Protein backbone atom coordinates (compact mmCIF):
# COMPACT_ATOMS: atom_id res chain seq x y z
CA UNK A 1 15.61 17.12 1.11
CA UNK A 2 12.80 14.64 0.45
CA UNK A 3 9.43 15.85 -0.70
CA UNK A 4 6.20 13.93 -0.45
CA UNK A 5 3.03 14.42 -2.37
CA UNK A 6 -0.41 13.27 -1.36
CA UNK A 7 -2.85 12.39 -4.06
CA UNK A 8 -6.48 11.50 -3.75
CA UNK A 9 -8.40 9.52 -6.31
CA UNK A 10 -11.82 10.82 -7.13
CA UNK A 11 -13.60 7.71 -8.33
CA UNK A 12 -17.21 7.18 -9.20
CA UNK A 13 -19.31 4.23 -8.06
CA UNK A 14 -18.39 1.96 -11.01
CA UNK A 15 -14.68 2.63 -10.52
CA UNK A 16 -14.99 2.04 -6.79
CA UNK A 17 -16.57 -1.37 -7.45
CA UNK A 18 -13.77 -2.28 -9.90
CA UNK A 19 -11.10 -1.23 -7.39
CA UNK A 20 -12.73 -3.38 -4.70
CA UNK A 21 -12.91 -6.37 -7.08
CA UNK A 22 -9.24 -6.04 -7.98
CA UNK A 23 -8.25 -5.77 -4.33
CA UNK A 24 -10.41 -8.76 -3.41
CA UNK A 25 -8.92 -10.91 -6.15
CA UNK A 26 -5.37 -9.98 -5.14
CA UNK A 27 -6.18 -10.66 -1.49
CA UNK A 28 -7.63 -14.09 -2.33
CA UNK A 29 -4.54 -15.04 -4.38
CA UNK A 30 -2.19 -13.86 -1.61
CA UNK A 31 -4.10 -15.74 1.10
CA UNK A 32 -4.18 -18.90 -1.04
CA UNK A 33 -0.41 -18.78 -1.56
CA UNK A 34 0.22 -18.02 2.11
CA UNK A 35 -1.92 -20.97 3.23
CA UNK A 36 -0.12 -23.29 0.81
CA UNK A 37 3.30 -22.17 2.08
CA UNK A 38 2.22 -22.56 5.70
CA UNK A 39 1.02 -26.12 4.98
CA UNK A 40 4.39 -26.91 3.40
CA UNK A 41 6.27 -25.52 6.38
CA UNK A 42 4.12 -27.53 8.77
CA UNK A 43 4.62 -30.71 6.72
CA UNK A 44 8.41 -30.19 6.58
CA UNK A 45 8.52 -29.61 10.32
CA UNK A 46 6.57 -32.81 11.04
CA UNK A 47 8.46 -34.90 8.44
CA UNK A 48 12.12 -33.80 8.43
CA UNK A 49 13.25 -36.89 6.50
CA UNK A 50 10.75 -36.23 3.64
CA UNK A 51 11.13 -32.50 3.17
CA UNK A 52 9.29 -30.94 0.24
CA UNK A 53 10.81 -28.19 -1.88
CA UNK A 54 9.54 -24.72 -1.09
CA UNK A 55 7.80 -23.22 -4.17
CA UNK A 56 9.09 -20.14 -5.94
CA UNK A 57 6.80 -17.33 -7.02
CA UNK A 58 6.68 -18.80 -10.54
CA UNK A 59 5.69 -22.20 -9.13
CA UNK A 60 2.95 -20.58 -7.06
CA UNK A 61 1.65 -18.70 -10.10
CA UNK A 62 1.52 -21.88 -12.18
CA UNK A 63 -0.33 -23.68 -9.40
CA UNK A 64 -2.77 -20.81 -9.03
CA UNK A 65 -3.58 -20.88 -12.74
CA UNK A 66 -3.87 -24.68 -12.82
CA UNK A 67 -5.81 -25.30 -9.59
CA UNK A 68 -7.68 -22.21 -8.46
CA UNK A 69 -8.69 -20.32 -11.58
CA UNK A 70 -10.76 -23.18 -13.10
CA UNK A 71 -12.84 -23.39 -9.91
CA UNK A 72 -13.07 -19.63 -9.32
CA UNK A 73 -14.42 -18.17 -12.56
CA UNK A 74 -14.59 -14.68 -11.05
CA UNK A 75 -10.77 -14.46 -11.34
CA UNK A 76 -11.23 -13.85 -15.06
CA UNK A 77 -13.40 -10.79 -14.48
CA UNK A 78 -10.32 -8.88 -13.34
CA UNK A 79 -7.00 -8.43 -15.07
């Protein structure tokens, strides 16, 4: 038999703001990586003789740190 438990967080205003910031930062990073992968797929489809290697998660993380974080200083506000 499987049991499930529901829990509810009781957060104050400051905690709610921090949770929203964390979620927004994660969403931005995910959307950035998704857009990059979609561009690579489109390029590989249009140029089958010059296919580019699809990045791993480690490659995407290194690119995010190198390219996006210097321009988006608000990334460093969240962990």
